[in-house]
């Protein structure tokens, strides 16, 4: 149940969302096609390449597809995991640099939401719990947890283009 402060904040910004929706949201039947083909990859920072591989490939079952040197920083690794549908989750490490702990900052990453089939979602939820990964479950289709470096990851059982049973695409 929402607190009074949460209810007031929600009401305060509802009008602004309504105005933005009226100004910019084009109905699906009138919306032009996107200029993009899709998300090629999202790149996060890893403090430990092997720990990241164990987490994403071993625990979450996202196959490691490549591990190369980062062209922008000598000695750094750039590595990729298959997250389905031709999409990749990528990582860099920066050995010798103190990049500090993960932070959610303005302009930064809040979370990465990855769609998985419901049966796989249930299996992965059980694996995460068995591995002692703290998680929060929402709406019987969404899990939020943090990777070894603190990045927030969401596994969502809704199909691509849907959010909690509603079409968003």
C-alpha atoms as a PDB file:
ATOM      1  CA  UNK A   1       0.000   0.000   0.000  1.00  0.00           C
ATOM      2  CA  UNK A   2       1.344   3.399  -0.962  1.00  0.00           C
ATOM      3  CA  UNK A   3       2.180   5.918   1.730  1.00  0.00           C
ATOM      4  CA  UNK A   4       0.581   9.367   1.762  1.00  0.00           C
ATOM      5  CA  UNK A   5       3.833  10.872   0.419  1.00  0.00           C
ATOM      6  CA  UNK A   6       3.885   8.358  -2.439  1.00  0.00           C
ATOM      7  CA  UNK A   7       0.238   9.068  -3.267  1.00  0.00           C
ATOM      8  CA  UNK A   8       0.881  12.828  -3.281  1.00  0.00           C
ATOM      9  CA  UNK A   9       3.987  12.449  -5.458  1.00  0.00           C
ATOM     10  CA  UNK A  10       2.068  10.214  -7.880  1.00  0.00           C
ATOM     11  CA  UNK A  11      -0.780  12.733  -8.154  1.00  0.00           C
ATOM     12  CA  UNK A  12       1.676  15.635  -8.513  1.00  0.00           C
ATOM     13  CA  UNK A  13       3.259  14.151 -11.635  1.00  0.00           C
ATOM     14  CA  UNK A  14       0.184  12.517 -13.189  1.00  0.00           C
ATOM     15  CA  UNK A  15      -0.807  15.749 -14.958  1.00  0.00           C
ATOM     16  CA  UNK A  16       2.691  16.169 -16.387  1.00  0.00           C
ATOM     17  CA  UNK A  17       2.623  12.615 -17.769  1.00  0.00           C
ATOM     18  CA  UNK A  18      -0.810  13.235 -19.276  1.00  0.00           C
ATOM     19  CA  UNK A  19       0.470  16.390 -21.021  1.00  0.00           C
ATOM     20  CA  UNK A  20       3.553  14.613 -22.361  1.00  0.00           C
ATOM     21  CA  UNK A  21       1.452  11.672 -23.542  1.00  0.00           C
ATOM     22  CA  UNK A  22      -0.957  14.035 -25.351  1.00  0.00           C
ATOM     23  CA  UNK A  23       1.917  15.944 -26.967  1.00  0.00           C
ATOM     24  CA  UNK A  24       4.245  13.122 -28.010  1.00  0.00           C
ATOM     25  CA  UNK A  25       2.619   9.672 -27.919  1.00  0.00           C
ATOM     26  CA  UNK A  26       1.493   8.783 -31.421  1.00  0.00           C
ATOM     27  CA  UNK A  27      -1.166   6.023 -31.654  1.00  0.00           C
ATOM     28  CA  UNK A  28       0.332   2.694 -32.754  1.00  0.00           C
ATOM     29  CA  UNK A  29      -1.499   2.689 -36.099  1.00  0.00           C
ATOM     30  CA  UNK A  30      -0.062   6.144 -36.940  1.00  0.00           C
ATOM     31  CA  UNK A  31       3.395   5.682 -35.472  1.00  0.00           C
ATOM     32  CA  UNK A  32       6.265   5.547 -37.976  1.00  0.00           C
ATOM     33  CA  UNK A  33       8.667   2.626 -37.957  1.00  0.00           C
ATOM     34  CA  UNK A  34      11.746   3.104 -35.815  1.00  0.00           C
ATOM     35  CA  UNK A  35      15.014   3.980 -37.506  1.00  0.00           C
ATOM     36  CA  UNK A  36      16.727   1.359 -35.308  1.00  0.00           C
ATOM     37  CA  UNK A  37      16.978  -2.376 -35.946  1.00  0.00           C
ATOM     38  CA  UNK A  38      17.196  -3.237 -32.254  1.00  0.00           C
ATOM     39  CA  UNK A  39      19.520  -3.077 -29.295  1.00  0.00           C
ATOM     40  CA  UNK A  40      22.881  -4.419 -30.440  1.00  0.00           C
ATOM     41  CA  UNK A  41      24.320  -4.561 -26.930  1.00  0.00           C
ATOM     42  CA  UNK A  42      24.280  -2.846 -23.605  1.00  0.00           C
ATOM     43  CA  UNK A  43      27.730  -2.549 -22.016  1.00  0.00           C
ATOM     44  CA  UNK A  44      28.292  -2.618 -18.264  1.00  0.00           C
ATOM     45  CA  UNK A  45      31.513  -2.477 -16.247  1.00  0.00           C
ATOM     46  CA  UNK A  46      32.860  -5.590 -14.529  1.00  0.00           C
ATOM     47  CA  UNK A  47      35.366  -5.607 -11.689  1.00  0.00           C
ATOM     48  CA  UNK A  48      36.088  -9.335 -12.136  1.00  0.00           C
ATOM     49  CA  UNK A  49      35.723 -10.988 -15.538  1.00  0.00           C
ATOM     50  CA  UNK A  50      35.568 -14.544 -14.194  1.00  0.00           C
ATOM     51  CA  UNK A  51      33.003 -13.704 -11.491  1.00  0.00           C
ATOM     52  CA  UNK A  52      30.875 -11.972 -14.117  1.00  0.00           C
ATOM     53  CA  UNK A  53      31.072 -15.003 -16.419  1.00  0.00           C
ATOM     54  CA  UNK A  54      30.152 -17.359 -13.564  1.00  0.00           C
ATOM     55  CA  UNK A  55      27.150 -15.194 -12.695  1.00  0.00           C
ATOM     56  CA  UNK A  56      25.742 -14.528 -16.163  1.00  0.00           C
ATOM     57  CA  UNK A  57      26.621 -17.806 -17.856  1.00  0.00           C
ATOM     58  CA  UNK A  58      26.630 -20.150 -14.882  1.00  0.00           C
ATOM     59  CA  UNK A  59      23.708 -18.806 -12.877  1.00  0.00           C
ATOM     60  CA  UNK A  60      21.550 -16.967 -15.404  1.00  0.00           C
ATOM     61  CA  UNK A  61      22.333 -19.314 -18.327  1.00  0.00           C
ATOM     62  CA  UNK A  62      23.290 -16.569 -20.798  1.00  0.00           C
ATOM     63  CA  UNK A  63      25.988 -18.128 -23.011  1.00  0.00           C
ATOM     64  CA  UNK A  64      29.303 -16.292 -23.264  1.00  0.00           C
ATOM     65  CA  UNK A  65      29.749 -15.594 -26.986  1.00  0.00           C
ATOM     66  CA  UNK A  66      33.042 -13.695 -27.210  1.00  0.00           C
ATOM     67  CA  UNK A  67      35.916 -12.415 -25.083  1.00  0.00           C
ATOM     68  CA  UNK A  68      38.250  -9.905 -26.768  1.00  0.00           C
ATOM     69  CA  UNK A  69      40.514  -7.025 -25.819  1.00  0.00           C
ATOM     70  CA  UNK A  70      38.772  -3.677 -25.450  1.00  0.00           C
ATOM     71  CA  UNK A  71      40.038  -1.441 -28.264  1.00  0.00           C
ATOM     72  CA  UNK A  72      39.793   1.663 -26.048  1.00  0.00           C
ATOM     73  CA  UNK A  73      41.923   0.532 -23.078  1.00  0.00           C
ATOM     74  CA  UNK A  74      44.942  -1.780 -23.396  1.00  0.00           C
ATOM     75  CA  UNK A  75      44.603  -4.957 -21.340  1.00  0.00           C
ATOM     76  CA  UNK A  76      40.890  -4.462 -20.787  1.00  0.00           C
ATOM     77  CA  UNK A  77      38.446  -7.192 -21.771  1.00  0.00           C
ATOM     78  CA  UNK A  78      35.250  -6.725 -23.754  1.00  0.00           C
ATOM     79  CA  UNK A  79      33.002  -9.754 -23.463  1.00  0.00           C
ATOM     80  CA  UNK A  80      29.490 -10.625 -24.543  1.00  0.00           C
ATOM     81  CA  UNK A  81      26.579 -12.811 -23.443  1.00  0.00           C
ATOM     82  CA  UNK A  82      23.683 -13.956 -25.633  1.00  0.00           C
ATOM     83  CA  UNK A  83      20.417 -12.727 -24.124  1.00  0.00           C
ATOM     84  CA  UNK A  84      18.277 -14.014 -26.975  1.00  0.00           C
ATOM     85  CA  UNK A  85      16.606 -12.544 -30.036  1.00  0.00           C
ATOM     86  CA  UNK A  86      19.960 -11.463 -31.505  1.00  0.00           C
ATOM     87  CA  UNK A  87      20.722  -9.217 -28.510  1.00  0.00           C
ATOM     88  CA  UNK A  88      23.851  -9.091 -26.379  1.00  0.00           C
ATOM     89  CA  UNK A  89      24.764  -8.024 -22.868  1.00  0.00           C
ATOM     90  CA  UNK A  90      28.372  -6.830 -22.892  1.00  0.00           C
ATOM     91  CA  UNK A  91      30.934  -5.971 -20.242  1.00  0.00           C
ATOM     92  CA  UNK A  92      34.242  -4.167 -19.978  1.00  0.00           C
ATOM     93  CA  UNK A  93      36.790  -4.470 -17.229  1.00  0.00           C
ATOM     94  CA  UNK A  94      39.364  -1.750 -16.662  1.00  0.00           C
ATOM     95  CA  UNK A  95      42.354  -3.316 -14.886  1.00  0.00           C
ATOM     96  CA  UNK A  96      44.446  -0.749 -13.071  1.00  0.00           C
ATOM     97  CA  UNK A  97      41.684   1.859 -12.932  1.00  0.00           C
ATOM     98  CA  UNK A  98      39.759   2.550  -9.761  1.00  0.00           C
ATOM     99  CA  UNK A  99      36.271   2.842 -11.222  1.00  0.00           C
ATOM    100  CA  UNK A 100      34.674   2.733  -7.777  1.00  0.00           C
ATOM    101  CA  UNK A 101      31.495   0.905  -6.784  1.00  0.00           C
ATOM    102  CA  UNK A 102      28.348   0.771  -8.897  1.00  0.00           C
ATOM    103  CA  UNK A 103      26.120   3.819  -8.545  1.00  0.00           C
ATOM    104  CA  UNK A 104      22.734   4.763  -9.916  1.00  0.00           C
ATOM    105  CA  UNK A 105      23.238   8.326 -11.075  1.00  0.00           C
ATOM    106  CA  UNK A 106      21.443  10.767 -13.322  1.00  0.00           C
ATOM    107  CA  UNK A 107      22.148   9.667 -16.873  1.00  0.00           C
ATOM    108  CA  UNK A 108      23.341   6.278 -15.645  1.00  0.00           C
ATOM    109  CA  UNK A 109      21.882   2.820 -15.642  1.00  0.00           C
ATOM    110  CA  UNK A 110      18.879   2.074 -13.436  1.00  0.00           C
ATOM    111  CA  UNK A 111      18.391  -1.533 -14.535  1.00  0.00           C
ATOM    112  CA  UNK A 112      18.539  -3.906 -17.465  1.00  0.00           C
ATOM    113  CA  UNK A 113      15.270  -5.811 -18.037  1.00  0.00           C
ATOM    114  CA  UNK A 114      15.647  -9.140 -19.826  1.00  0.00           C
ATOM    115  CA  UNK A 115      12.626 -11.090 -21.052  1.00  0.00           C
ATOM    116  CA  UNK A 116      12.578 -14.839 -20.407  1.00  0.00           C
ATOM    117  CA  UNK A 117       9.911 -17.510 -20.885  1.00  0.00           C
ATOM    118  CA  UNK A 118       7.834 -18.086 -17.719  1.00  0.00           C
ATOM    119  CA  UNK A 119       9.160 -21.630 -17.151  1.00  0.00           C
ATOM    120  CA  UNK A 120      12.751 -20.350 -17.490  1.00  0.00           C
ATOM    121  CA  UNK A 121      11.904 -17.395 -15.213  1.00  0.00           C
ATOM    122  CA  UNK A 122      10.699 -19.797 -12.518  1.00  0.00           C
ATOM    123  CA  UNK A 123      13.836 -21.950 -12.871  1.00  0.00           C
ATOM    124  CA  UNK A 124      16.125 -18.922 -12.711  1.00  0.00           C
ATOM    125  CA  UNK A 125      14.264 -17.544  -9.681  1.00  0.00           C
ATOM    126  CA  UNK A 126      14.882 -20.846  -7.889  1.00  0.00           C
ATOM    127  CA  UNK A 127      18.567 -20.817  -8.906  1.00  0.00           C
ATOM    128  CA  UNK A 128      19.023 -17.257  -7.687  1.00  0.00           C
ATOM    129  CA  UNK A 129      17.391 -18.057  -4.350  1.00  0.00           C
ATOM    130  CA  UNK A 130      19.485 -21.234  -3.959  1.00  0.00           C
ATOM    131  CA  UNK A 131      22.627 -19.193  -4.702  1.00  0.00           C
ATOM    132  CA  UNK A 132      21.704 -16.707  -1.970  1.00  0.00           C
ATOM    133  CA  UNK A 133      21.105 -13.786  -4.336  1.00  0.00           C
ATOM    134  CA  UNK A 134      18.791 -11.236  -2.747  1.00  0.00           C
ATOM    135  CA  UNK A 135      15.844 -10.513  -4.998  1.00  0.00           C
ATOM    136  CA  UNK A 136      12.528  -8.737  -5.062  1.00  0.00           C
ATOM    137  CA  UNK A 137       9.610 -10.279  -6.940  1.00  0.00           C
ATOM    138  CA  UNK A 138       6.883  -8.105  -8.475  1.00  0.00           C
ATOM    139  CA  UNK A 139       3.569  -8.996 -10.102  1.00  0.00           C
ATOM    140  CA  UNK A 140       4.418 -12.727 -10.418  1.00  0.00           C
ATOM    141  CA  UNK A 141       6.448 -11.994 -13.582  1.00  0.00           C
ATOM    142  CA  UNK A 142       9.312  -9.731 -12.531  1.00  0.00           C
ATOM    143  CA  UNK A 143      12.469 -10.323 -10.472  1.00  0.00           C
ATOM    144  CA  UNK A 144      14.917  -7.591  -9.498  1.00  0.00           C
ATOM    145  CA  UNK A 145      18.372  -8.424  -8.168  1.00  0.00           C
ATOM    146  CA  UNK A 146      21.940  -7.173  -8.385  1.00  0.00           C
ATOM    147  CA  UNK A 147      24.865  -8.702 -10.236  1.00  0.00           C
ATOM    148  CA  UNK A 148      28.286  -9.168  -8.568  1.00  0.00           C
ATOM    149  CA  UNK A 149      29.133  -5.491  -9.167  1.00  0.00           C
ATOM    150  CA  UNK A 150      25.782  -4.143  -7.993  1.00  0.00           C
ATOM    151  CA  UNK A 151      24.111  -3.476 -11.347  1.00  0.00           C
ATOM    152  CA  UNK A 152      20.359  -3.981 -11.030  1.00  0.00           C
ATOM    153  CA  UNK A 153      19.018  -6.686 -13.339  1.00  0.00           C
ATOM    154  CA  UNK A 154      15.380  -7.534 -13.973  1.00  0.00           C
ATOM    155  CA  UNK A 155      14.170 -10.842 -15.335  1.00  0.00           C
ATOM    156  CA  UNK A 156      10.667 -10.379 -16.678  1.00  0.00           C
ATOM    157  CA  UNK A 157       8.412 -13.158 -17.927  1.00  0.00           C
ATOM    158  CA  UNK A 158       6.287 -10.828 -20.028  1.00  0.00           C
ATOM    159  CA  UNK A 159       6.853 -11.177 -23.780  1.00  0.00           C
ATOM    160  CA  UNK A 160       8.921  -8.576 -25.584  1.00  0.00           C
ATOM    161  CA  UNK A 161       6.808  -5.479 -26.183  1.00  0.00           C
ATOM    162  CA  UNK A 162       4.637  -6.034 -23.097  1.00  0.00           C
ATOM    163  CA  UNK A 163       4.900  -4.750 -19.538  1.00  0.00           C
ATOM    164  CA  UNK A 164       2.876  -6.454 -16.815  1.00  0.00           C
ATOM    165  CA  UNK A 165       0.373  -7.707 -19.352  1.00  0.00           C
ATOM    166  CA  UNK A 166      -0.065  -4.414 -21.243  1.00  0.00           C
ATOM    167  CA  UNK A 167       1.305  -3.697 -24.696  1.00  0.00           C
ATOM    168  CA  UNK A 168       4.010  -1.034 -24.677  1.00  0.00           C
ATOM    169  CA  UNK A 169       5.147  -1.595 -28.251  1.00  0.00           C
END
